[in-house]
Structure formats: structure tokens, C-alpha cells
């Protein structure tokens, strides 16, 4: 689990009815942090987690593909 004290918040980059999104740094990485204004709807939260998992898996796959292409030449 990531502790809030590990995150350096930057400027706000988005604001909606249920959450705000901020630029941030975590462990030296540029990240985006979504801060909910209240308790998130569990169904919507699970849907978003599924989307994020898909994107992380896709990015990992693309990075592995690039690595293989670069090192085969």
C-alpha cells in the first residue's frame, strides 16, 4: 500500500463531480493521483481498477515487444 506521505502532490489536472486528479511524484516517478471527494461507488471503482489493470498490462506488453525488437536487430 502506498502511504500518502510518499506522494508529492503537484498541480490539479482534472476535476469532476466525484474526484480531483493531480500531477504527483511517487518514488521519483511522475504519476497522476485521483483523490475522491467522498466515498467512491464500489461498482465504478472496480470498473476503473479493471481499466487501469488493462492499461498497465498493455503498456508492459508494448515495452516487452519494443525490448525484443531492439535486441533482435
N, C-alpha and C. Protein backbone atom coordinates (compact mmCIF):
# COMPACT_ATOMS: atom_id res chain seq x y z
N UNK A 1 0.84 -1.18 0.00
CA UNK A 1 0.00 0.00 0.00
C UNK A 1 0.89 1.25 0.00
N UNK A 2 0.48 2.23 -0.77
CA UNK A 2 1.22 3.49 -0.85
C UNK A 2 0.74 4.41 0.26
N UNK A 3 1.68 4.95 1.00
CA UNK A 3 1.34 5.89 2.07
C UNK A 3 1.22 7.30 1.49
N UNK A 4 0.23 8.08 1.93
CA UNK A 4 0.10 9.46 1.43
C UNK A 4 1.37 10.29 1.62
N UNK A 5 2.14 9.99 2.66
CA UNK A 5 3.38 10.74 2.90
C UNK A 5 4.44 10.48 1.83
N UNK A 6 4.29 9.42 1.03
CA UNK A 6 5.24 9.11 -0.04
C UNK A 6 4.95 9.87 -1.33
N UNK A 7 3.82 10.57 -1.37
CA UNK A 7 3.39 11.25 -2.59
C UNK A 7 3.64 12.75 -2.48
N UNK A 8 4.27 13.31 -3.51
CA UNK A 8 4.45 14.76 -3.60
C UNK A 8 3.42 15.29 -4.59
N UNK A 9 2.40 15.96 -4.09
CA UNK A 9 1.33 16.47 -4.95
C UNK A 9 1.79 17.70 -5.72
N UNK A 10 1.37 17.77 -6.97
CA UNK A 10 1.62 18.92 -7.82
C UNK A 10 0.30 19.61 -8.14
N UNK A 11 0.23 20.16 -9.33
CA UNK A 11 -0.96 20.91 -9.73
C UNK A 11 -2.13 20.00 -10.08
N UNK A 12 -3.32 20.55 -9.97
CA UNK A 12 -4.52 19.83 -10.34
C UNK A 12 -4.61 19.78 -11.87
N UNK A 13 -4.93 18.61 -12.41
CA UNK A 13 -5.06 18.48 -13.86
C UNK A 13 -6.47 18.09 -14.29
N UNK A 14 -7.33 17.80 -13.32
CA UNK A 14 -8.71 17.46 -13.64
C UNK A 14 -9.59 17.54 -12.41
N UNK A 15 -10.88 17.81 -12.66
CA UNK A 15 -11.81 17.94 -11.55
C UNK A 15 -13.19 17.54 -12.05
N UNK A 16 -13.80 16.58 -11.37
CA UNK A 16 -15.13 16.13 -11.75
C UNK A 16 -16.05 16.14 -10.56
N UNK A 17 -17.21 15.54 -10.72
CA UNK A 17 -18.19 15.54 -9.65
C UNK A 17 -17.78 14.63 -8.50
N UNK A 18 -17.00 13.58 -8.78
CA UNK A 18 -16.64 12.62 -7.74
C UNK A 18 -15.19 12.67 -7.31
N UNK A 19 -14.32 13.31 -8.11
CA UNK A 19 -12.89 13.26 -7.77
C UNK A 19 -12.12 14.41 -8.42
N UNK A 20 -10.91 14.62 -7.90
CA UNK A 20 -9.94 15.53 -8.48
C UNK A 20 -8.74 14.69 -8.90
N UNK A 21 -8.03 15.13 -9.94
CA UNK A 21 -6.83 14.43 -10.40
C UNK A 21 -5.68 15.42 -10.34
N UNK A 22 -4.56 14.97 -9.77
CA UNK A 22 -3.39 15.82 -9.58
C UNK A 22 -2.16 15.21 -10.24
N UNK A 23 -1.26 16.07 -10.71
CA UNK A 23 0.09 15.63 -11.06
C UNK A 23 0.76 15.33 -9.73
N UNK A 24 1.65 14.34 -9.73
CA UNK A 24 2.33 14.00 -8.48
C UNK A 24 3.62 13.26 -8.79
N UNK A 25 4.43 13.10 -7.76
CA UNK A 25 5.65 12.29 -7.85
C UNK A 25 5.56 11.23 -6.77
N UNK A 26 5.91 10.00 -7.13
CA UNK A 26 5.97 8.90 -6.19
C UNK A 26 7.21 8.08 -6.51
N UNK A 27 8.09 7.95 -5.55
CA UNK A 27 9.36 7.23 -5.75
C UNK A 27 10.12 7.75 -6.98
N UNK A 28 10.08 9.04 -7.19
CA UNK A 28 10.78 9.65 -8.31
C UNK A 28 10.08 9.53 -9.65
N UNK A 29 8.91 8.92 -9.68
CA UNK A 29 8.16 8.75 -10.93
C UNK A 29 7.07 9.80 -11.05
N UNK A 30 6.84 10.29 -12.24
CA UNK A 30 5.70 11.17 -12.49
C UNK A 30 4.45 10.32 -12.58
N UNK A 31 3.47 10.64 -11.77
CA UNK A 31 2.23 9.88 -11.74
C UNK A 31 1.05 10.84 -11.68
N UNK A 32 -0.13 10.30 -11.85
CA UNK A 32 -1.37 11.04 -11.63
C UNK A 32 -2.06 10.41 -10.43
N UNK A 33 -2.62 11.24 -9.57
CA UNK A 33 -3.30 10.76 -8.37
C UNK A 33 -4.75 11.22 -8.41
N UNK A 34 -5.65 10.28 -8.25
CA UNK A 34 -7.07 10.59 -8.21
C UNK A 34 -7.50 10.65 -6.75
N UNK A 35 -8.02 11.78 -6.34
CA UNK A 35 -8.46 11.99 -4.96
C UNK A 35 -9.97 12.11 -4.95
N UNK A 36 -10.63 11.12 -4.34
CA UNK A 36 -12.09 11.12 -4.31
C UNK A 36 -12.60 12.16 -3.33
N UNK A 37 -13.70 12.79 -3.69
CA UNK A 37 -14.32 13.82 -2.84
C UNK A 37 -15.16 13.20 -1.74
N UNK A 38 -15.52 11.97 -1.87
CA UNK A 38 -16.31 11.24 -0.88
C UNK A 38 -15.99 9.77 -1.00
N UNK A 39 -16.89 8.94 -0.57
CA UNK A 39 -16.71 7.50 -0.71
C UNK A 39 -17.09 7.10 -2.13
N UNK A 40 -16.16 6.48 -2.88
CA UNK A 40 -16.48 6.12 -4.26
C UNK A 40 -17.52 5.01 -4.34
N UNK A 41 -18.29 5.04 -5.40
CA UNK A 41 -19.24 3.97 -5.70
C UNK A 41 -18.43 2.70 -5.95
N UNK A 42 -18.66 1.64 -5.17
CA UNK A 42 -17.84 0.42 -5.31
C UNK A 42 -17.84 -0.17 -6.72
N UNK A 43 -18.98 -0.13 -7.40
CA UNK A 43 -19.06 -0.70 -8.76
C UNK A 43 -18.21 0.12 -9.74
N UNK A 44 -18.29 1.45 -9.65
CA UNK A 44 -17.50 2.32 -10.52
C UNK A 44 -16.01 2.19 -10.21
N UNK A 45 -15.69 2.09 -8.92
CA UNK A 45 -14.30 1.96 -8.51
C UNK A 45 -13.70 0.67 -9.07
N UNK A 46 -14.43 -0.43 -8.99
CA UNK A 46 -13.96 -1.70 -9.55
C UNK A 46 -13.78 -1.61 -11.06
N UNK A 47 -14.69 -0.91 -11.72
CA UNK A 47 -14.59 -0.73 -13.17
C UNK A 47 -13.31 0.03 -13.52
N UNK A 48 -13.04 1.10 -12.78
CA UNK A 48 -11.82 1.88 -13.03
C UNK A 48 -10.57 1.06 -12.77
N UNK A 49 -10.58 0.26 -11.71
CA UNK A 49 -9.43 -0.60 -11.43
C UNK A 49 -9.19 -1.57 -12.58
N UNK A 50 -10.26 -2.10 -13.13
CA UNK A 50 -10.13 -3.01 -14.27
C UNK A 50 -9.51 -2.32 -15.47
N UNK A 51 -9.93 -1.09 -15.73
CA UNK A 51 -9.35 -0.31 -16.84
C UNK A 51 -7.87 -0.07 -16.60
N UNK A 52 -7.51 0.32 -15.37
CA UNK A 52 -6.10 0.60 -15.06
C UNK A 52 -5.26 -0.67 -15.18
N UNK A 53 -5.78 -1.80 -14.73
CA UNK A 53 -5.05 -3.06 -14.86
C UNK A 53 -4.80 -3.38 -16.34
N UNK A 54 -5.82 -3.18 -17.16
CA UNK A 54 -5.69 -3.42 -18.60
C UNK A 54 -4.61 -2.53 -19.20
N UNK A 55 -4.63 -1.23 -18.84
CA UNK A 55 -3.65 -0.30 -19.40
C UNK A 55 -2.23 -0.65 -18.96
N UNK A 56 -2.07 -1.04 -17.70
CA UNK A 56 -0.75 -1.43 -17.21
C UNK A 56 -0.28 -2.68 -17.95
N UNK A 57 -1.16 -3.66 -18.11
CA UNK A 57 -0.80 -4.88 -18.84
C UNK A 57 -0.44 -4.57 -20.29
N UNK A 58 -1.22 -3.69 -20.92
CA UNK A 58 -0.95 -3.31 -22.31
C UNK A 58 0.40 -2.61 -22.42
N UNK A 59 0.67 -1.68 -21.52
CA UNK A 59 1.96 -0.96 -21.55
C UNK A 59 3.12 -1.93 -21.34
N UNK A 60 2.96 -2.85 -20.39
CA UNK A 60 4.00 -3.84 -20.13
C UNK A 60 4.26 -4.68 -21.37
N UNK A 61 3.19 -5.10 -22.03
CA UNK A 61 3.32 -5.89 -23.26
C UNK A 61 4.05 -5.09 -24.34
N UNK A 62 3.66 -3.83 -24.51
CA UNK A 62 4.30 -3.00 -25.54
C UNK A 62 5.78 -2.77 -25.24
N UNK A 63 6.11 -2.53 -23.97
CA UNK A 63 7.51 -2.34 -23.61
C UNK A 63 8.33 -3.60 -23.85
N UNK A 64 7.76 -4.76 -23.53
CA UNK A 64 8.46 -6.02 -23.78
C UNK A 64 8.67 -6.22 -25.27
N UNK A 65 7.67 -5.88 -26.07
CA UNK A 65 7.78 -6.02 -27.52
C UNK A 65 8.87 -5.12 -28.07
N UNK A 66 8.94 -3.88 -27.59
CA UNK A 66 9.98 -2.95 -28.04
C UNK A 66 11.36 -3.48 -27.66
N UNK A 67 11.48 -4.01 -26.44
CA UNK A 67 12.76 -4.55 -25.99
C UNK A 67 13.21 -5.69 -26.90
N UNK A 68 12.28 -6.59 -27.22
CA UNK A 68 12.62 -7.72 -28.08
C UNK A 68 13.02 -7.26 -29.47
N UNK A 69 12.31 -6.26 -30.01
CA UNK A 69 12.63 -5.76 -31.34
C UNK A 69 14.01 -5.10 -31.37
N UNK A 70 14.31 -4.31 -30.36
CA UNK A 70 15.60 -3.61 -30.31
C UNK A 70 16.75 -4.61 -30.17
N UNK A 71 16.57 -5.62 -29.37
CA UNK A 71 17.67 -6.54 -29.11
C UNK A 71 17.81 -7.67 -30.13
N UNK A 72 16.86 -7.79 -31.05
CA UNK A 72 16.98 -8.79 -32.11
C UNK A 72 17.76 -8.25 -33.30
N UNK A 73 17.83 -6.95 -33.42
CA UNK A 73 18.49 -6.34 -34.59
C UNK A 73 20.00 -6.46 -34.47
